[in-house]
Amino acid sequence: MTEAEFNANWDAFENACKACNRCGLRNNATNTVIYRGGKHAPLMIVGEAPGRSEDLEGLPFVGQSGQLLQSLLSTYGFGEEDYHICNICKCRPPENRRPEPSEIMACKRLLSVQFKLVRPKVVLLCGSTAYEGFFGEKPRMSDVRGKFLERNGYYIMTTYHPAYALRDSKQKLPIYEDLGKVRSKLEDLGLVPKLPPVNL
């Protein structure tokens, strides 16, 4: 696919997101929240759904949980072109409630198109809703967190949602550790440069 073809397909994808009415979430949303970061990124980070700040700005992970995520990404030397951040659902559920299974399914078609355009090699799923959106079933986080699953040449890891760490600060360390594993996997695949060793 040429860059011109990619850009045309991406524009069509964004227009489809903005025109989507397959569930009722768009009716009360200010913006359709599609992505931030690079469009050709080796890492895709997937959350649950936009919150209030994301709905107002039209960008995912820009509220408090997004600030925590961004801090962790910066700690591991990730630049904006290294990651593509999105959500399972692209419109804010009322009162920030968890998306219903029907809403997850309604948005899954668009997420599939997004995935095929970005073509990441590593995927980090933030929280059980993101896992459900990818795999179609609710997980026990203790069973899936911090472990890579390989599916059709893609490496997929699930970690806690940053919002969970804001409610329980002890969960920041597991997310930090998981993002370190993600960085190492990308380095091993030759998709990002190796970080220099830390001098103590």
C-alpha atoms as a PDB file:
ATOM      1  CA  MET A   1       0.000   0.000   0.000  1.00  0.00           C
ATOM      2  CA  THR A   2       1.426   3.387  -0.993  1.00  0.00           C
ATOM      3  CA  GLU A   3       1.376   6.278   1.468  1.00  0.00           C
ATOM      4  CA  ALA A   4      -1.296   7.989  -0.638  1.00  0.00           C
ATOM      5  CA  GLU A   5      -3.458   4.866  -0.521  1.00  0.00           C
ATOM      6  CA  PHE A   6      -2.896   4.569   3.224  1.00  0.00           C
ATOM      7  CA  ASN A   7      -3.898   8.203   3.790  1.00  0.00           C
ATOM      8  CA  ALA A   8      -7.044   7.746   1.698  1.00  0.00           C
ATOM      9  CA  ASN A   9      -7.952   4.617   3.659  1.00  0.00           C
ATOM     10  CA  TRP A  10      -7.215   6.344   6.946  1.00  0.00           C
ATOM     11  CA  ASP A  11      -9.440   9.294   6.036  1.00  0.00           C
ATOM     12  CA  ALA A  12     -12.223   6.876   5.111  1.00  0.00           C
ATOM     13  CA  PHE A  13     -11.766   5.104   8.450  1.00  0.00           C
ATOM     14  CA  GLU A  14     -11.962   8.352  10.436  1.00  0.00           C
ATOM     15  CA  ASN A  15     -15.067   9.412   8.512  1.00  0.00           C
ATOM     16  CA  ALA A  16     -16.660   6.031   9.247  1.00  0.00           C
ATOM     17  CA  CYS A  17     -15.918   6.496  12.954  1.00  0.00           C
ATOM     18  CA  LYS A  18     -17.487   9.941  13.010  1.00  0.00           C
ATOM     19  CA  ALA A  19     -20.556   8.786  11.082  1.00  0.00           C
ATOM     20  CA  CYS A  20     -21.083   5.598  13.104  1.00  0.00           C
ATOM     21  CA  ASN A  21     -24.430   5.183  14.861  1.00  0.00           C
ATOM     22  CA  ARG A  22     -24.366   1.432  15.509  1.00  0.00           C
ATOM     23  CA  CYS A  23     -25.021   2.047  19.222  1.00  0.00           C
ATOM     24  CA  GLY A  24     -26.429   4.898  21.270  1.00  0.00           C
ATOM     25  CA  LEU A  25     -23.173   6.203  22.736  1.00  0.00           C
ATOM     26  CA  ARG A  26     -22.640   8.783  19.988  1.00  0.00           C
ATOM     27  CA  ASN A  27     -25.907  10.514  20.873  1.00  0.00           C
ATOM     28  CA  ASN A  28     -24.519  11.989  24.095  1.00  0.00           C
ATOM     29  CA  ALA A  29     -20.848  12.262  23.155  1.00  0.00           C
ATOM     30  CA  THR A  30     -19.132  15.549  22.351  1.00  0.00           C
ATOM     31  CA  ASN A  31     -16.466  13.945  20.151  1.00  0.00           C
ATOM     32  CA  THR A  32     -15.643  10.643  18.549  1.00  0.00           C
ATOM     33  CA  VAL A  33     -12.304   9.713  20.134  1.00  0.00           C
ATOM     34  CA  ILE A  34     -10.195   7.817  17.592  1.00  0.00           C
ATOM     35  CA  TYR A  35      -6.479   7.845  18.478  1.00  0.00           C
ATOM     36  CA  ARG A  36      -3.346   9.718  19.412  1.00  0.00           C
ATOM     37  CA  GLY A  37       0.257   8.899  18.571  1.00  0.00           C
ATOM     38  CA  GLY A  38       1.596   7.523  15.303  1.00  0.00           C
ATOM     39  CA  LYS A  39      -0.435   5.933  12.528  1.00  0.00           C
ATOM     40  CA  HIS A  40       2.376   3.482  11.680  1.00  0.00           C
ATOM     41  CA  ALA A  41       3.337   2.503  15.224  1.00  0.00           C
ATOM     42  CA  PRO A  42       4.882  -0.788  16.379  1.00  0.00           C
ATOM     43  CA  LEU A  43       2.937  -0.588  19.670  1.00  0.00           C
ATOM     44  CA  MET A  44      -0.836  -0.244  20.008  1.00  0.00           C
ATOM     45  CA  ILE A  45      -2.202   0.606  23.461  1.00  0.00           C
ATOM     46  CA  VAL A  46      -5.903  -0.094  23.888  1.00  0.00           C
ATOM     47  CA  GLY A  47      -8.077   1.204  26.711  1.00  0.00           C
ATOM     48  CA  GLU A  48     -11.750   0.939  27.536  1.00  0.00           C
ATOM     49  CA  ALA A  49     -13.597   4.074  26.425  1.00  0.00           C
ATOM     50  CA  PRO A  50     -13.239   7.863  26.567  1.00  0.00           C
ATOM     51  CA  GLY A  51     -13.834   9.664  29.840  1.00  0.00           C
ATOM     52  CA  ARG A  52     -14.884  13.276  30.327  1.00  0.00           C
ATOM     53  CA  SER A  53     -11.522  14.822  29.419  1.00  0.00           C
ATOM     54  CA  GLU A  54     -11.137  12.570  26.369  1.00  0.00           C
ATOM     55  CA  ASP A  55     -14.662  13.354  25.200  1.00  0.00           C
ATOM     56  CA  LEU A  56     -14.015  17.094  25.432  1.00  0.00           C
ATOM     57  CA  GLU A  57     -10.597  17.005  23.734  1.00  0.00           C
ATOM     58  CA  GLY A  58     -11.335  14.269  21.203  1.00  0.00           C
ATOM     59  CA  LEU A  59      -8.163  12.353  22.184  1.00  0.00           C
ATOM     60  CA  PRO A  60      -7.737   9.149  24.212  1.00  0.00           C
ATOM     61  CA  PHE A  61      -5.939   8.989  27.551  1.00  0.00           C
ATOM     62  CA  VAL A  62      -5.562  12.700  28.256  1.00  0.00           C
ATOM     63  CA  GLY A  63      -7.156  12.801  31.737  1.00  0.00           C
ATOM     64  CA  GLN A  64      -5.482  11.721  34.974  1.00  0.00           C
ATOM     65  CA  SER A  65      -5.072   8.097  33.919  1.00  0.00           C
ATOM     66  CA  GLY A  66      -3.648   9.285  30.614  1.00  0.00           C
ATOM     67  CA  GLN A  67      -1.117  11.460  32.409  1.00  0.00           C
ATOM     68  CA  LEU A  68       0.039   8.416  34.373  1.00  0.00           C
ATOM     69  CA  LEU A  69       0.308   6.373  31.181  1.00  0.00           C
ATOM     70  CA  GLN A  70       2.221   9.154  29.453  1.00  0.00           C
ATOM     71  CA  SER A  71       4.641   9.388  32.358  1.00  0.00           C
ATOM     72  CA  LEU A  72       5.337   5.657  32.121  1.00  0.00           C
ATOM     73  CA  LEU A  73       5.817   5.842  28.352  1.00  0.00           C
ATOM     74  CA  SER A  74       8.300   8.681  28.792  1.00  0.00           C
ATOM     75  CA  THR A  75      10.152   6.733  31.483  1.00  0.00           C
ATOM     76  CA  TYR A  76      10.760   3.954  28.970  1.00  0.00           C
ATOM     77  CA  GLY A  77      11.849   6.320  26.220  1.00  0.00           C
ATOM     78  CA  PHE A  78       8.824   5.948  23.948  1.00  0.00           C
ATOM     79  CA  GLY A  79       8.310   8.729  21.409  1.00  0.00           C
ATOM     80  CA  GLU A  80       4.958   9.655  19.883  1.00  0.00           C
ATOM     81  CA  GLU A  81       5.654   7.698  16.702  1.00  0.00           C
ATOM     82  CA  ASP A  82       6.345   4.515  18.683  1.00  0.00           C
ATOM     83  CA  TYR A  83       2.793   4.069  19.967  1.00  0.00           C
ATOM     84  CA  HIS A  84      -0.796   4.314  18.795  1.00  0.00           C
ATOM     85  CA  ILE A  85      -3.291   4.826  21.633  1.00  0.00           C
ATOM     86  CA  CYS A  86      -6.975   4.073  21.194  1.00  0.00           C
ATOM     87  CA  ASN A  87      -9.968   2.570  22.986  1.00  0.00           C
ATOM     88  CA  ILE A  88     -12.312  -0.360  22.500  1.00  0.00           C
ATOM     89  CA  CYS A  89     -15.203   2.140  22.259  1.00  0.00           C
ATOM     90  CA  LYS A  90     -14.769   5.486  20.563  1.00  0.00           C
ATOM     91  CA  CYS A  91     -17.581   7.370  22.316  1.00  0.00           C
ATOM     92  CA  ARG A  92     -17.958   8.161  26.009  1.00  0.00           C
ATOM     93  CA  PRO A  93     -20.464   6.036  27.938  1.00  0.00           C
ATOM     94  CA  PRO A  94     -22.757   8.075  30.234  1.00  0.00           C
ATOM     95  CA  GLU A  95     -21.217   8.783  33.656  1.00  0.00           C
ATOM     96  CA  ASN A  96     -18.074   6.937  32.544  1.00  0.00           C
ATOM     97  CA  ARG A  97     -19.786   3.582  33.035  1.00  0.00           C
ATOM     98  CA  ARG A  98     -18.309   0.405  31.579  1.00  0.00           C
ATOM     99  CA  PRO A  99     -19.380  -0.146  27.940  1.00  0.00           C
ATOM    100  CA  GLU A 100     -22.107  -2.740  27.478  1.00  0.00           C
ATOM    101  CA  PRO A 101     -21.218  -5.915  25.522  1.00  0.00           C
ATOM    102  CA  SER A 102     -23.451  -4.714  22.675  1.00  0.00           C
ATOM    103  CA  GLU A 103     -21.550  -1.412  22.547  1.00  0.00           C
ATOM    104  CA  ILE A 104     -18.222  -3.226  22.513  1.00  0.00           C
ATOM    105  CA  MET A 105     -19.427  -5.379  19.627  1.00  0.00           C
ATOM    106  CA  ALA A 106     -20.768  -2.361  17.755  1.00  0.00           C
ATOM    107  CA  CYS A 107     -17.341  -0.700  17.834  1.00  0.00           C
ATOM    108  CA  LYS A 108     -15.305  -3.833  17.202  1.00  0.00           C
ATOM    109  CA  ARG A 109     -15.693  -3.532  13.428  1.00  0.00           C
ATOM    110  CA  LEU A 110     -14.015  -0.114  13.487  1.00  0.00           C
ATOM    111  CA  LEU A 111     -11.273  -1.312  15.835  1.00  0.00           C
ATOM    112  CA  SER A 112     -10.532  -4.133  13.401  1.00  0.00           C
ATOM    113  CA  VAL A 113     -10.089  -1.646  10.554  1.00  0.00           C
ATOM    114  CA  GLN A 114      -7.879   0.509  12.773  1.00  0.00           C
ATOM    115  CA  PHE A 115      -5.717  -2.478  13.698  1.00  0.00           C
ATOM    116  CA  LYS A 116      -5.247  -3.478  10.052  1.00  0.00           C
ATOM    117  CA  LEU A 117      -4.212   0.061   9.117  1.00  0.00           C
ATOM    118  CA  VAL A 118      -1.771   0.637  11.982  1.00  0.00           C
ATOM    119  CA  ARG A 119      -0.364  -2.925  11.829  1.00  0.00           C
ATOM    120  CA  PRO A 120       1.338  -2.949  15.249  1.00  0.00           C
ATOM    121  CA  LYS A 121       3.472  -5.899  16.251  1.00  0.00           C
ATOM    122  CA  VAL A 122       2.869  -5.517  19.996  1.00  0.00           C
ATOM    123  CA  VAL A 123      -0.465  -4.714  21.651  1.00  0.00           C
ATOM    124  CA  LEU A 124      -0.935  -3.624  25.268  1.00  0.00           C
ATOM    125  CA  LEU A 125      -4.506  -4.067  26.520  1.00  0.00           C
ATOM    126  CA  CYS A 126      -5.297  -1.830  29.503  1.00  0.00           C
ATOM    127  CA  GLY A 127      -7.916  -3.468  31.680  1.00  0.00           C
ATOM    128  CA  SER A 128     -10.480  -6.238  31.402  1.00  0.00           C
ATOM    129  CA  THR A 129     -12.753  -4.366  28.981  1.00  0.00           C
ATOM    130  CA  ALA A 130      -9.931  -4.033  26.463  1.00  0.00           C
ATOM    131  CA  TYR A 131      -9.250  -7.762  26.833  1.00  0.00           C
ATOM    132  CA  GLU A 132     -12.928  -8.535  26.302  1.00  0.00           C
ATOM    133  CA  GLY A 133     -12.990  -6.344  23.205  1.00  0.00           C
ATOM    134  CA  PHE A 134     -10.074  -8.255  21.703  1.00  0.00           C
ATOM    135  CA  PHE A 135     -10.864 -11.800  22.782  1.00  0.00           C
ATOM    136  CA  GLY A 136     -14.633 -11.779  23.299  1.00  0.00           C
ATOM    137  CA  GLU A 137     -14.622 -12.903  26.921  1.00  0.00           C
ATOM    138  CA  LYS A 138     -14.109 -11.356  30.330  1.00  0.00           C
ATOM    139  CA  PRO A 139     -10.793 -12.353  31.922  1.00  0.00           C
ATOM    140  CA  ARG A 140      -9.623 -12.843  35.448  1.00  0.00           C
ATOM    141  CA  MET A 141      -6.914 -10.216  35.474  1.00  0.00           C
ATOM    142  CA  SER A 142      -4.739 -12.323  37.770  1.00  0.00           C
ATOM    143  CA  ASP A 143      -4.691 -14.999  35.062  1.00  0.00           C
ATOM    144  CA  VAL A 144      -3.763 -12.791  32.097  1.00  0.00           C
ATOM    145  CA  ARG A 145      -1.889  -9.754  33.412  1.00  0.00           C
ATOM    146  CA  GLY A 146       1.745  -9.369  32.405  1.00  0.00           C
ATOM    147  CA  LYS A 147       1.869 -12.337  30.023  1.00  0.00           C
ATOM    148  CA  PHE A 148       2.377 -12.232  26.270  1.00  0.00           C
ATOM    149  CA  LEU A 149      -0.003 -14.115  24.033  1.00  0.00           C
ATOM    150  CA  GLU A 150       1.095 -14.636  20.444  1.00  0.00           C
ATOM    151  CA  ARG A 151      -1.705 -14.536  17.899  1.00  0.00           C
ATOM    152  CA  ASN A 152      -0.968 -14.634  14.166  1.00  0.00           C
ATOM    153  CA  GLY A 153       2.437 -13.043  14.641  1.00  0.00           C
ATOM    154  CA  TYR A 154       1.228 -10.342  17.050  1.00  0.00           C
ATOM    155  CA  TYR A 155       2.310 -10.171  20.695  1.00  0.00           C
ATOM    156  CA  ILE A 156      -0.514  -9.165  23.024  1.00  0.00           C
ATOM    157  CA  MET A 157      -0.176  -8.349  26.716  1.00  0.00           C
ATOM    158  CA  THR A 158      -2.819  -7.280  29.221  1.00  0.00           C
ATOM    159  CA  THR A 159      -2.109  -4.964  32.139  1.00  0.00           C
ATOM    160  CA  TYR A 160      -4.177  -3.010  34.631  1.00  0.00           C
ATOM    161  CA  HIS A 161      -5.903   0.138  33.426  1.00  0.00           C
ATOM    162  CA  PRO A 162      -4.064   3.242  34.694  1.00  0.00           C
ATOM    163  CA  ALA A 163      -7.329   4.405  36.311  1.00  0.00           C
ATOM    164  CA  TYR A 164      -7.090   1.352  38.572  1.00  0.00           C
ATOM    165  CA  ALA A 165      -3.645   2.477  39.696  1.00  0.00           C
ATOM    166  CA  LEU A 166      -5.047   5.912  40.523  1.00  0.00           C
ATOM    167  CA  ARG A 167      -7.503   4.224  42.892  1.00  0.00           C
ATOM    168  CA  ASP A 168      -4.858   1.895  44.335  1.00  0.00           C
ATOM    169  CA  SER A 169      -1.313   3.255  44.096  1.00  0.00           C
ATOM    170  CA  LYS A 170       0.176  -0.210  44.686  1.00  0.00           C
ATOM    171  CA  GLN A 171      -0.914  -1.111  41.159  1.00  0.00           C
ATOM    172  CA  LYS A 172       1.419   1.431  39.539  1.00  0.00           C
ATOM    173  CA  LEU A 173       4.366  -0.942  39.906  1.00  0.00           C
ATOM    174  CA  PRO A 174       2.735  -3.829  37.980  1.00  0.00           C
ATOM    175  CA  ILE A 175       1.857  -1.482  35.113  1.00  0.00           C
ATOM    176  CA  TYR A 176       5.424  -0.135  35.147  1.00  0.00           C
ATOM    177  CA  GLU A 177       6.791  -3.685  35.049  1.00  0.00           C
ATOM    178  CA  ASP A 178       4.466  -4.695  32.227  1.00  0.00           C
ATOM    179  CA  LEU A 179       5.430  -1.697  30.124  1.00  0.00           C
ATOM    180  CA  GLY A 180       9.056  -2.670  30.665  1.00  0.00           C
ATOM    181  CA  LYS A 181       8.297  -6.112  29.213  1.00  0.00           C
ATOM    182  CA  VAL A 182       6.623  -4.425  26.261  1.00  0.00           C
ATOM    183  CA  ARG A 183       9.690  -2.243  25.681  1.00  0.00           C
ATOM    184  CA  SER A 184      11.957  -5.302  25.831  1.00  0.00           C
ATOM    185  CA  LYS A 185       9.784  -7.191  23.348  1.00  0.00           C
ATOM    186  CA  LEU A 186       9.874  -4.295  20.897  1.00  0.00           C
ATOM    187  CA  GLU A 187      13.654  -4.079  21.301  1.00  0.00           C
ATOM    188  CA  ASP A 188      14.013  -7.823  20.716  1.00  0.00           C
ATOM    189  CA  LEU A 189      11.956  -7.493  17.541  1.00  0.00           C
ATOM    190  CA  GLY A 190      14.188  -4.641  16.357  1.00  0.00           C
ATOM    191  CA  LEU A 191      11.292  -2.187  16.278  1.00  0.00           C
ATOM    192  CA  VAL A 192      12.706   0.328  18.758  1.00  0.00           C
ATOM    193  CA  PRO A 193      16.362   0.952  19.722  1.00  0.00           C
ATOM    194  CA  LYS A 194      17.706  -0.566  22.883  1.00  0.00           C
ATOM    195  CA  LEU A 195      17.709   1.816  25.810  1.00  0.00           C
ATOM    196  CA  PRO A 196      21.149   2.670  27.212  1.00  0.00           C
ATOM    197  CA  PRO A 197      21.920   1.035  30.567  1.00  0.00           C
ATOM    198  CA  VAL A 198      21.121   3.028  33.674  1.00  0.00           C
ATOM    199  CA  ASN A 199      24.207   4.055  35.643  1.00  0.00           C
ATOM    200  CA  LEU A 200      23.597   3.755  39.378  1.00  0.00           C
END
